[in-house]
Amino acid sequence: MQTIIALDAGGTAVKVAAYDLRGRELASAGEIITPSRPKAGYCERDADAMWQVLRSGVKTVLARGGINPRDVAVVGLTGFGNGLFLTDGNGNAVRPAILSSDQRAAGIVTEWMKAGKGYEHIALTHQRLWAGKPLPLLAWLERNEPETMARARNVLLCKDFLRLRLTGKAGLEVSDASSGSLIDQSGRSFTPAVLQLTELSHLSHLFGGEFHEPLSIAGKVSAAAARETGLLEGTPVSAGYADGPAMLLALGIVDDTRLNIIAGTWGLNQLMVDRPMADGSILASLLGPRPGEYVLVDGGSTSASMFEWFAREIVAGPTKKQPPGDIYEWCNNVAAALPPDDPAVYFLPWLNGRLDRADARACFIGLSSWHSLPHMVRAVFEGVAIEHWHHTTKLLANQSKAPEAIRFAGGAARSPVWLDIFASVFNLPIELSEAKELGALGAAIVAATGAGLFPDLKAATRAMTRVEKVIHPDASLVDVFSRRKDVYALLREQLDPVWGRL
């Protein structure tokens, strides 16, 4: 039976999974790798330790699934976007990898923006520069770790490092690199101009490897990697795809008829379209898996993690003893029991600030003496859903038609009442996939297409993905949320002058 092995290196969890050509998971293995934080604002990972977990995971999956290495048709790759991996001429990491949430280069980005460089970069790459991207991190390392830069020979992103370990060949993949502000999107290629704009032209030698298309085979498993993983030498290795866009494919999204919402630690909202947004108004406008396609992304750290904080710190409280029983079940039950047209309490989910206003803060607005804890629970559910809606209005601003449905994933998908709220806020049906490990499945779909196991990407997603359940909007709630979205937008606008004075 033809099998696809997929390696998925997220920002916290790293895993390996095996799939058949129906997208069914045959076996999986993974671990949590807690990032190291050597200083305030730093976020790093030992790249070699990550590889050790994954190579061991491949062996475990082959054994656990009873998979003959001869049946492995291709290896797929995905990983977190942005950040920075640097290797020497022998393919060894020259320092710990820097993750995309690292903030050490924030001052450099501020310098560049004041000098106008950031705006020129948006025009070329269609991306906003921020601290966790490769170019600001390279500039920071030049100033602070010149000995590291002297040893470096290759700039890589996360999954590219995995490909190097598997094939022995360094290179980047264009979609992931476009997220990292490294690609001239008009030509779908790397150009020295992206370095010139930030006065980093002297580092062009770090980008000498091949730039691969996502739906291509970028190499073969080397003899050394075969010994480490149990895979056969010569097994094809996919170029790979970044984890966010890979989730789109795992949910069966290959066009603009479906909007993607991932309500997890981060709130991601994604749309696959046929033209980019080049003005920097959204978080990212990435190259899609095929020429002529783009993935629009907007969001922030304003999603299900807001509820996790509220449940832990407010509902459970200092004693961690109330309410009795499962705290999440209690929250779902009390939120569902409230009449939807009760006088609204508004929650602004900005515990970690906003991408456009780092100094913004979370708050409840509209509390009265007759409100109780259940009203606050429901306000958190509604506030997170409306914040997602706000981000998607930006993605849809230049689109000629509205999506037909939402493909939904993330921790919020486990809450029936929260799904009902999302469906009614957006006035769109929500479709839930049967897949659980979305990043790995998306990598498998990309790899299967590149290896020629399917005639095209649409055929691969059709064969390997399935919708398990559909939640329809509640007509009685749609009008309620239409009014609340108007108030939410007004609060967002009117409170902005306040944040800098707190």
Protein backbone atom coordinates (compact mmCIF):
# COMPACT_ATOMS: atom_id res chain seq x y z
CA MET A 1 0.00 0.00 0.00
CA GLN A 2 1.42 3.38 -1.00
CA THR A 3 2.10 5.48 2.09
CA ILE A 4 3.07 9.09 2.72
CA ILE A 5 5.22 10.01 5.72
CA ALA A 6 4.74 13.61 6.89
CA LEU A 7 6.99 15.55 9.28
CA ASP A 8 5.35 18.50 11.05
CA ALA A 9 7.47 20.82 13.21
CA GLY A 10 5.19 23.35 14.88
CA GLY A 11 6.25 26.05 17.29
CA THR A 12 5.60 23.75 20.24
CA ALA A 13 4.51 20.29 19.08
CA VAL A 14 6.58 18.27 16.60
CA LYS A 15 5.13 15.12 15.10
CA VAL A 16 5.39 12.47 12.40
CA ALA A 17 2.36 10.83 10.79
CA ALA A 18 1.76 8.25 8.08
CA TYR A 19 -1.18 8.45 5.66
CA ASP A 20 -2.68 6.32 2.95
CA LEU A 21 -4.03 7.81 -0.27
CA ARG A 22 -7.45 8.31 1.33
CA GLY A 23 -5.92 10.63 3.90
CA ARG A 24 -6.43 8.13 6.70
CA GLU A 25 -3.83 8.32 9.45
CA LEU A 26 -2.06 4.98 9.81
CA ALA A 27 0.22 5.88 12.73
CA SER A 28 1.68 8.93 14.43
CA ALA A 29 4.25 9.94 17.03
CA GLY A 30 5.22 13.28 18.50
CA GLU A 31 6.53 15.31 21.39
CA ILE A 32 6.17 18.75 22.89
CA ILE A 33 9.38 20.77 22.64
CA THR A 34 9.22 23.74 24.97
CA PRO A 35 11.07 26.72 23.47
CA SER A 36 13.98 28.11 25.44
CA ARG A 37 13.86 31.75 26.53
CA PRO A 38 17.41 32.73 27.51
CA LYS A 39 16.45 36.41 27.86
CA ALA A 40 13.27 38.46 27.96
CA GLY A 41 11.80 38.59 24.45
CA TYR A 42 13.96 35.72 23.15
CA CYS A 43 12.44 32.46 21.89
CA GLU A 44 14.73 29.71 20.60
CA ARG A 45 14.89 25.99 19.82
CA ASP A 46 17.75 23.53 19.54
CA ALA A 47 17.47 22.59 15.85
CA ASP A 48 19.45 19.37 16.23
CA ALA A 49 17.29 18.25 19.17
CA MET A 50 14.20 18.88 17.03
CA TRP A 51 15.66 16.70 14.29
CA GLN A 52 16.45 13.94 16.79
CA VAL A 53 12.80 13.87 17.89
CA LEU A 54 11.55 13.73 14.31
CA ARG A 55 14.00 11.11 13.02
CA SER A 56 13.12 8.92 15.99
CA GLY A 57 9.45 9.62 15.27
CA VAL A 58 9.82 8.30 11.72
CA LYS A 59 11.18 5.00 13.07
CA THR A 60 8.34 4.82 15.60
CA VAL A 61 5.67 5.47 12.96
CA LEU A 62 7.09 2.85 10.60
CA ALA A 63 7.07 0.29 13.41
CA ARG A 64 3.76 1.33 14.96
CA GLY A 65 1.96 1.28 11.62
CA GLY A 66 3.63 -1.91 10.39
CA ILE A 67 4.80 0.07 7.36
CA ASN A 68 7.39 -1.40 5.00
CA PRO A 69 9.81 1.41 4.03
CA ARG A 70 9.48 0.20 0.42
CA ASP A 71 5.85 1.32 0.53
CA VAL A 72 6.73 4.93 1.42
CA ALA A 73 6.09 6.80 -1.82
CA VAL A 74 7.19 10.24 -0.64
CA VAL A 75 8.07 12.27 2.46
CA GLY A 76 6.13 15.49 3.13
CA LEU A 77 7.30 18.42 5.23
CA THR A 78 5.76 21.33 7.07
CA GLY A 79 6.81 23.61 9.90
CA PHE A 80 6.20 26.98 11.49
CA GLY A 81 6.83 30.00 9.30
CA ASN A 82 9.34 32.81 9.75
CA GLY A 83 12.00 32.71 12.45
CA LEU A 84 15.52 31.77 11.37
CA PHE A 85 17.68 28.65 11.01
CA LEU A 86 21.36 29.17 10.11
CA THR A 87 23.67 26.35 9.03
CA ASP A 88 27.34 26.11 8.10
CA GLY A 89 28.84 24.60 4.97
CA ASN A 90 28.42 21.09 6.37
CA GLY A 91 24.73 21.56 7.12
CA ASN A 92 25.21 21.93 10.88
CA ALA A 93 23.29 24.55 12.85
CA VAL A 94 25.61 27.39 13.88
CA ARG A 95 23.37 28.51 16.75
CA PRO A 96 19.96 27.66 18.22
CA ALA A 97 17.11 28.36 15.82
CA ILE A 98 15.11 31.53 16.48
CA LEU A 99 11.32 31.15 16.50
CA SER A 100 8.89 33.57 14.89
CA SER A 101 7.61 34.84 18.26
CA ASP A 102 11.08 36.17 19.15
CA GLN A 103 11.13 39.94 19.79
CA ARG A 104 14.86 40.74 19.97
CA ALA A 105 14.84 42.53 16.60
CA ALA A 106 11.85 44.79 17.34
CA GLY A 107 14.07 47.86 17.60
CA ILE A 108 15.59 47.18 14.18
CA VAL A 109 12.15 46.98 12.59
CA THR A 110 11.27 50.32 14.21
CA GLU A 111 14.46 51.84 12.74
CA TRP A 112 13.63 50.52 9.28
CA MET A 113 10.05 51.76 9.41
CA LYS A 114 11.15 55.25 10.47
CA ALA A 115 13.59 55.29 7.54
CA GLY A 116 10.83 54.23 5.13
CA LYS A 117 12.44 50.87 4.34
CA GLY A 118 9.53 48.84 5.65
CA TYR A 119 7.07 50.50 3.27
CA GLU A 120 9.33 49.88 0.27
CA HIS A 121 9.56 46.27 1.35
CA ILE A 122 5.77 45.93 1.42
CA ALA A 123 5.59 47.11 -2.20
CA LEU A 124 8.05 44.40 -3.28
CA THR A 125 7.15 41.45 -1.06
CA HIS A 126 3.53 42.25 -0.06
CA GLN A 127 4.52 41.55 3.56
CA ARG A 128 4.88 43.71 6.63
CA LEU A 129 8.20 43.39 8.41
CA TRP A 130 8.09 42.40 12.06
CA ALA A 131 10.62 41.25 14.63
CA GLY A 132 10.34 37.48 14.09
CA LYS A 133 11.06 37.55 10.35
CA PRO A 134 14.41 36.42 8.88
CA LEU A 135 15.74 39.80 7.70
CA PRO A 136 15.42 41.71 11.01
CA LEU A 137 16.90 38.69 12.80
CA LEU A 138 19.85 38.61 10.40
CA ALA A 139 20.46 42.31 11.00
CA TRP A 140 20.33 41.75 14.76
CA LEU A 141 22.81 38.85 14.58
CA GLU A 142 25.20 40.96 12.53
CA ARG A 143 25.23 43.58 15.27
CA ASN A 144 25.30 41.23 18.23
CA GLU A 145 26.77 37.88 17.10
CA PRO A 146 29.28 38.59 14.31
CA GLU A 147 31.05 35.29 15.03
CA THR A 148 27.80 33.43 14.27
CA MET A 149 27.38 35.23 10.97
CA ALA A 150 30.97 34.48 10.01
CA ARG A 151 30.23 30.74 10.25
CA ALA A 152 26.84 30.83 8.53
CA ARG A 153 26.45 29.64 4.94
CA ASN A 154 22.70 29.07 4.56
CA VAL A 155 19.52 30.84 5.66
CA LEU A 156 16.71 28.31 6.13
CA LEU A 157 13.21 28.20 7.54
CA CYS A 158 11.98 25.39 9.77
CA LYS A 159 10.85 22.77 7.26
CA ASP A 160 13.81 23.64 4.99
CA PHE A 161 16.12 22.58 7.81
CA LEU A 162 14.28 19.24 7.95
CA ARG A 163 14.70 18.85 4.19
CA LEU A 164 18.42 19.55 4.54
CA ARG A 165 18.67 16.81 7.16
CA LEU A 166 16.81 14.36 4.92
CA THR A 167 18.48 15.13 1.58
CA GLY A 168 21.76 16.86 2.39
CA LYS A 169 20.75 19.78 0.15
CA ALA A 170 20.08 23.33 1.38
CA GLY A 171 17.29 25.36 -0.19
CA LEU A 172 14.13 27.34 0.44
CA GLU A 173 10.52 26.87 -0.69
CA VAL A 174 8.96 29.93 -2.33
CA SER A 175 5.63 30.10 -0.48
CA ASP A 176 7.20 29.83 2.97
CA ALA A 177 9.94 32.25 1.87
CA SER A 178 7.27 34.71 0.71
CA SER A 179 5.87 34.70 4.25
CA GLY A 180 9.38 35.56 5.41
CA SER A 181 9.51 38.67 3.17
CA LEU A 182 12.18 37.05 0.99
CA ILE A 183 10.33 36.84 -2.35
CA ASP A 184 9.48 39.35 -5.06
CA GLN A 185 5.90 38.23 -5.52
CA SER A 186 5.58 39.71 -9.00
CA GLY A 187 8.10 37.15 -10.22
CA ARG A 188 7.50 34.40 -7.64
CA SER A 189 11.25 34.34 -7.06
CA PHE A 190 14.05 35.55 -4.81
CA THR A 191 15.70 38.78 -5.86
CA PRO A 192 18.66 40.66 -4.33
CA ALA A 193 16.36 43.69 -4.08
CA VAL A 194 14.77 42.26 -0.91
CA LEU A 195 18.21 42.49 0.71
CA GLN A 196 19.11 45.86 -0.82
CA LEU A 197 16.08 47.56 0.73
CA THR A 198 17.32 46.68 4.22
CA GLU A 199 21.03 47.18 3.44
CA LEU A 200 21.77 43.46 3.71
CA SER A 201 23.04 42.88 0.16
CA HIS A 202 26.35 41.60 1.52
CA LEU A 203 24.46 38.56 2.86
CA SER A 204 23.33 37.34 -0.56
CA HIS A 205 25.70 34.36 -0.28
CA LEU A 206 23.41 32.94 2.43
CA PHE A 207 20.64 32.51 -0.16
CA GLY A 208 22.58 30.48 -2.71
CA GLY A 209 20.52 27.29 -2.43
CA GLU A 210 17.73 26.35 -4.81
CA PHE A 211 14.27 27.90 -4.41
CA HIS A 212 11.62 25.20 -4.79
CA GLU A 213 7.97 25.32 -5.75
CA PRO A 214 5.72 23.73 -3.06
CA LEU A 215 4.37 21.04 -5.40
CA SER A 216 7.80 19.79 -6.40
CA ILE A 217 10.13 17.02 -5.31
CA ALA A 218 13.19 18.74 -3.89
CA GLY A 219 15.47 15.77 -3.33
CA LYS A 220 15.80 12.21 -2.12
CA VAL A 221 16.52 10.63 1.24
CA SER A 222 20.29 10.43 1.63
CA ALA A 223 22.20 7.39 2.84
CA ALA A 224 22.88 9.12 6.15
CA ALA A 225 19.22 10.05 6.67
CA ALA A 226 18.16 6.52 5.73
CA ARG A 227 20.31 5.16 8.54
CA GLU A 228 18.84 7.68 10.98
CA THR A 229 15.17 7.28 10.08
CA GLY A 230 14.66 3.79 8.70
CA LEU A 231 13.45 5.20 5.38
CA LEU A 232 14.93 3.82 2.17
CA GLU A 233 17.74 5.76 0.55
CA GLY A 234 16.37 7.46 -2.55
CA THR A 235 12.81 7.97 -1.23
CA PRO A 236 11.48 11.23 -2.78
CA VAL A 237 11.27 14.25 -0.46
CA SER A 238 8.75 17.02 -1.06
CA ALA A 239 9.71 20.69 -1.09
CA GLY A 240 7.07 21.12 1.62
CA TYR A 241 4.70 23.88 2.64
CA ALA A 242 4.35 26.15 5.71
CA ASP A 243 1.99 24.91 8.41
CA GLY A 244 -0.69 27.61 8.19
CA PRO A 245 -1.39 27.24 4.45
CA ALA A 246 -0.94 23.46 4.76
CA MET A 247 -3.93 23.46 7.10
CA LEU A 248 -6.03 25.00 4.31
CA LEU A 249 -5.34 21.99 2.12
CA ALA A 250 -5.97 19.54 4.98
CA LEU A 251 -9.41 21.11 5.30
CA GLY A 252 -10.05 20.60 1.59
CA ILE A 253 -9.74 24.28 0.61
CA VAL A 254 -8.36 24.89 -2.88
CA ASP A 255 -10.27 28.05 -3.91
CA ASP A 256 -12.12 31.09 -2.55
CA THR A 257 -15.45 29.34 -1.93
CA ARG A 258 -14.33 28.42 1.59
CA LEU A 259 -12.98 30.71 4.31
CA ASN A 260 -10.66 29.11 6.86
CA ILE A 261 -10.77 29.96 10.57
CA ILE A 262 -8.36 28.39 13.04
CA ALA A 263 -9.39 29.34 16.57
CA GLY A 264 -6.53 28.09 18.71
CA THR A 265 -3.66 29.65 20.64
CA TRP A 266 -3.44 32.03 17.71
CA GLY A 267 -6.45 33.08 15.70
CA LEU A 268 -5.74 32.57 12.01
CA ASN A 269 -8.10 33.53 9.21
CA GLN A 270 -7.11 32.43 5.70
CA LEU A 271 -8.49 32.73 2.19
CA MET A 272 -7.09 31.30 -1.06
CA VAL A 273 -7.50 33.80 -3.91
CA ASP A 274 -6.22 34.59 -7.40
CA ARG A 275 -4.67 37.99 -6.64
CA PRO A 276 -2.59 39.28 -3.73
CA MET A 277 -3.21 42.11 -1.28
CA ALA A 278 -0.13 44.21 -1.79
CA ASP A 279 -0.73 47.12 0.60
CA GLY A 280 0.43 45.55 3.87
CA SER A 281 -3.02 45.94 5.44
CA ILE A 282 -3.17 42.28 6.51
CA LEU A 283 -0.79 40.01 8.38
CA ALA A 284 0.43 38.21 5.26
CA SER A 285 -0.26 37.72 1.57
CA LEU A 286 1.58 34.52 0.69
CA LEU A 287 2.30 32.78 -2.55
CA GLY A 288 -0.12 29.88 -2.92
CA PRO A 289 0.74 26.29 -3.78
CA ARG A 290 0.34 26.91 -7.52
CA PRO A 291 1.39 29.89 -9.69
CA GLY A 292 -1.37 32.49 -9.83
CA GLU A 293 -2.66 31.61 -6.35
CA TYR A 294 -2.23 33.51 -3.09
CA VAL A 295 -3.14 32.83 0.52
CA LEU A 296 -4.35 35.88 2.44
CA VAL A 297 -3.82 35.68 6.20
CA ASP A 298 -4.86 37.90 9.09
CA GLY A 299 -5.29 37.32 12.79
CA GLY A 300 -3.46 37.52 16.08
CA SER A 301 -3.05 36.11 19.57
CA THR A 302 -6.70 36.90 20.32
CA SER A 303 -8.49 33.58 19.97
CA ALA A 304 -9.16 30.47 22.08
CA SER A 305 -6.21 31.26 24.36
CA MET A 306 -8.31 34.16 25.70
CA PHE A 307 -10.86 31.66 26.98
CA GLU A 308 -8.11 29.46 28.44
CA TRP A 309 -6.90 32.44 30.48
CA PHE A 310 -10.42 33.40 31.56
CA ALA A 311 -11.32 29.86 32.63
CA ARG A 312 -8.09 29.46 34.58
CA GLU A 313 -7.80 32.85 36.24
CA ILE A 314 -11.40 34.04 36.60
CA VAL A 315 -13.74 31.04 36.54
CA ALA A 316 -11.53 28.71 38.58
CA GLY A 317 -10.07 31.64 40.49
CA PRO A 318 -7.25 31.61 43.02
CA THR A 319 -8.56 28.50 44.80
CA LYS A 320 -8.82 26.50 41.55
CA LYS A 321 -11.80 24.71 43.13
CA GLN A 322 -14.83 26.36 41.57
CA PRO A 323 -17.02 25.53 39.79
CA PRO A 324 -17.23 21.80 40.55
CA GLY A 325 -16.60 19.30 37.78
CA ASP A 326 -15.06 19.99 34.39
CA ILE A 327 -14.53 23.73 34.06
CA TYR A 328 -14.88 23.77 30.28
CA GLU A 329 -18.12 21.79 30.35
CA TRP A 330 -19.47 24.18 32.97
CA CYS A 331 -18.58 27.21 30.83
CA ASN A 332 -20.24 25.71 27.77
CA ASN A 333 -23.39 24.84 29.70
CA VAL A 334 -23.87 28.23 31.36
CA ALA A 335 -23.13 30.13 28.14
CA ALA A 336 -25.64 28.00 26.21
CA ALA A 337 -28.32 28.50 28.88
CA LEU A 338 -28.35 32.31 28.59
CA PRO A 339 -30.99 33.93 26.36
CA PRO A 340 -29.04 35.22 23.35
CA ASP A 341 -30.73 38.62 23.46
CA ASP A 342 -29.78 39.31 27.10
CA PRO A 343 -28.27 42.79 27.58
CA ALA A 344 -24.87 42.38 26.03
CA VAL A 345 -21.54 42.33 27.81
CA TYR A 346 -18.66 43.01 25.42
CA PHE A 347 -15.24 41.42 25.76
CA LEU A 348 -12.30 42.84 23.83
CA PRO A 349 -9.83 39.91 23.55
CA TRP A 350 -6.54 41.76 23.59
CA LEU A 351 -4.71 40.23 26.55
CA ASN A 352 -1.60 40.10 24.35
CA GLY A 353 -2.27 43.35 22.53
CA ARG A 354 -3.09 43.50 18.83
CA LEU A 355 -0.76 43.28 15.88
CA ASP A 356 -1.76 46.82 14.91
CA ARG A 357 -1.75 48.13 18.52
CA ALA A 358 0.69 46.32 20.78
CA ASP A 359 -0.43 48.50 23.71
CA ALA A 360 -4.14 47.54 23.41
CA ARG A 361 -5.52 45.65 26.41
CA ALA A 362 -8.39 43.27 27.10
CA CYS A 363 -11.48 44.49 28.93
CA PHE A 364 -15.14 43.81 29.65
CA ILE A 365 -17.56 46.60 28.76
CA GLY A 366 -21.24 46.87 29.63
CA LEU A 367 -21.27 45.02 32.96
CA SER A 368 -24.25 45.79 35.21
CA SER A 369 -25.33 44.58 38.64
CA TRP A 370 -27.66 41.96 37.14
CA HIS A 371 -24.86 40.35 35.14
CA SER A 372 -23.11 37.29 36.52
CA LEU A 373 -20.16 35.04 35.70
CA PRO A 374 -22.08 33.15 32.96
CA HIS A 375 -22.62 36.46 31.13
CA MET A 376 -18.86 37.02 31.18
CA VAL A 377 -18.23 33.50 29.88
CA ARG A 378 -20.55 34.12 26.95
CA ALA A 379 -18.98 37.53 26.37
CA VAL A 380 -15.57 35.87 25.95
CA PHE A 381 -17.00 33.42 23.40
CA GLU A 382 -18.68 36.26 21.49
CA GLY A 383 -15.72 38.64 21.68
CA VAL A 384 -13.31 36.09 20.23
CA ALA A 385 -15.74 35.24 17.41
CA ILE A 386 -16.31 38.91 16.56
CA GLU A 387 -12.55 39.57 16.59
CA HIS A 388 -12.17 36.78 14.01
CA TRP A 389 -14.94 38.43 12.00
CA HIS A 390 -13.06 41.75 12.12
CA HIS A 391 -9.97 40.13 10.63
CA THR A 392 -11.90 38.38 7.87
CA THR A 393 -13.53 41.65 6.77
CA LYS A 394 -10.03 42.77 5.78
CA LEU A 395 -9.39 39.56 3.83
CA LEU A 396 -12.68 39.95 1.96
CA ALA A 397 -12.42 43.70 1.32
CA ASN A 398 -11.30 43.35 -2.31
CA GLN A 399 -13.06 40.10 -3.18
CA SER A 400 -15.88 40.09 -5.72
CA LYS A 401 -17.86 37.36 -3.98
CA ALA A 402 -18.44 36.11 -0.46
CA PRO A 403 -17.36 32.62 0.63
CA GLU A 404 -20.03 29.94 0.77
CA ALA A 405 -18.94 28.39 4.07
CA ILE A 406 -16.25 28.31 6.75
CA ARG A 407 -13.88 25.40 7.27
CA PHE A 408 -13.17 25.60 10.99
CA ALA A 409 -10.45 24.12 13.20
CA GLY A 410 -8.74 24.72 16.53
CA GLY A 411 -9.63 24.32 20.19
CA ALA A 412 -12.89 26.27 19.85
CA ALA A 413 -14.22 23.51 17.57
CA ARG A 414 -14.73 21.37 20.70
CA SER A 415 -17.39 23.77 22.04
CA PRO A 416 -20.87 23.39 20.47
CA VAL A 417 -22.10 26.73 21.82
CA TRP A 418 -19.00 28.51 20.54
CA LEU A 419 -19.48 27.00 17.08
CA ASP A 420 -23.10 28.20 17.08
CA ILE A 421 -21.89 31.70 17.95
CA PHE A 422 -19.26 31.67 15.18
CA ALA A 423 -21.79 30.48 12.59
CA SER A 424 -24.25 33.22 13.56
CA VAL A 425 -21.62 35.98 13.79
CA PHE A 426 -20.50 35.18 10.23
CA ASN A 427 -23.96 34.12 8.99
CA LEU A 428 -22.28 31.21 7.23
CA PRO A 429 -22.39 27.45 7.71
CA ILE A 430 -19.39 25.98 9.50
CA GLU A 431 -17.92 22.76 8.14
CA LEU A 432 -15.84 20.56 10.44
CA SER A 433 -13.25 18.19 9.02
CA GLU A 434 -12.70 14.67 10.27
CA ALA A 435 -8.92 15.28 10.18
CA LYS A 436 -7.16 16.03 13.46
CA GLU A 437 -3.48 16.62 12.58
CA LEU A 438 -4.03 19.29 9.96
CA GLY A 439 -0.44 20.40 9.39
CA ALA A 440 0.84 16.88 8.77
CA LEU A 441 -2.10 16.00 6.52
CA GLY A 442 -1.58 19.18 4.49
CA ALA A 443 2.09 18.28 4.05
CA ALA A 444 1.04 14.80 2.92
CA ILE A 445 -1.37 16.25 0.34
CA VAL A 446 1.34 18.53 -1.07
CA ALA A 447 3.83 15.66 -1.18
CA ALA A 448 1.36 13.26 -2.83
CA THR A 449 0.62 15.82 -5.54
CA GLY A 450 4.29 16.53 -6.14
CA ALA A 451 5.08 12.83 -6.38
CA GLY A 452 2.41 12.34 -9.05
CA LEU A 453 0.18 10.14 -6.90
CA PHE A 454 -2.75 12.34 -8.01
CA PRO A 455 -3.23 14.23 -11.28
CA ASP A 456 -3.44 17.60 -9.50
CA LEU A 457 -3.88 19.31 -6.14
CA LYS A 458 -7.67 19.42 -6.36
CA ALA A 459 -7.82 15.66 -6.93
CA ALA A 460 -5.50 15.07 -3.96
CA THR A 461 -7.56 17.20 -1.57
CA ARG A 462 -10.79 15.62 -2.80
CA ALA A 463 -9.44 12.14 -2.11
CA MET A 464 -7.69 12.85 1.19
CA THR A 465 -10.12 15.17 3.03
CA ARG A 466 -13.71 14.84 4.25
CA VAL A 467 -16.27 17.06 6.01
CA GLU A 468 -17.62 15.37 9.13
CA LYS A 469 -20.25 17.84 10.36
CA VAL A 470 -21.97 21.11 9.36
CA ILE A 471 -23.27 23.77 11.79
CA HIS A 472 -25.75 26.27 10.35
CA PRO A 473 -26.35 29.84 11.57
CA ASP A 474 -29.20 30.45 14.00
CA ALA A 475 -31.50 32.92 12.24
CA SER A 476 -32.61 34.38 15.57
CA LEU A 477 -29.00 35.23 16.43
CA VAL A 478 -27.86 36.70 13.12
CA ASP A 479 -29.63 40.05 13.71
CA VAL A 480 -28.46 40.14 17.34
CA PHE A 481 -24.85 39.75 16.28
CA SER A 482 -25.21 42.21 13.43
CA ARG A 483 -25.95 44.91 16.02
CA ARG A 484 -23.21 43.70 18.36
CA LYS A 485 -20.62 43.75 15.58
CA ASP A 486 -21.46 47.42 14.96
CA VAL A 487 -20.94 48.23 18.65
CA TYR A 488 -17.73 46.18 18.72
CA ALA A 489 -16.33 48.11 15.74
CA LEU A 490 -17.20 51.40 17.46
CA LEU A 491 -15.51 50.31 20.70
CA ARG A 492 -12.41 49.28 18.78
CA GLU A 493 -12.20 52.69 17.12
CA GLN A 494 -13.06 54.85 20.12
CA LEU A 495 -10.73 53.11 22.58
CA ASP A 496 -7.61 53.30 20.43
CA PRO A 497 -6.57 56.75 21.77
CA VAL A 498 -6.82 55.39 25.33
CA TRP A 499 -4.24 52.60 25.15
CA GLY A 500 -1.17 54.81 24.97
CA ARG A 501 -2.28 56.65 28.12
CA LEU A 502 -2.72 53.63 30.40
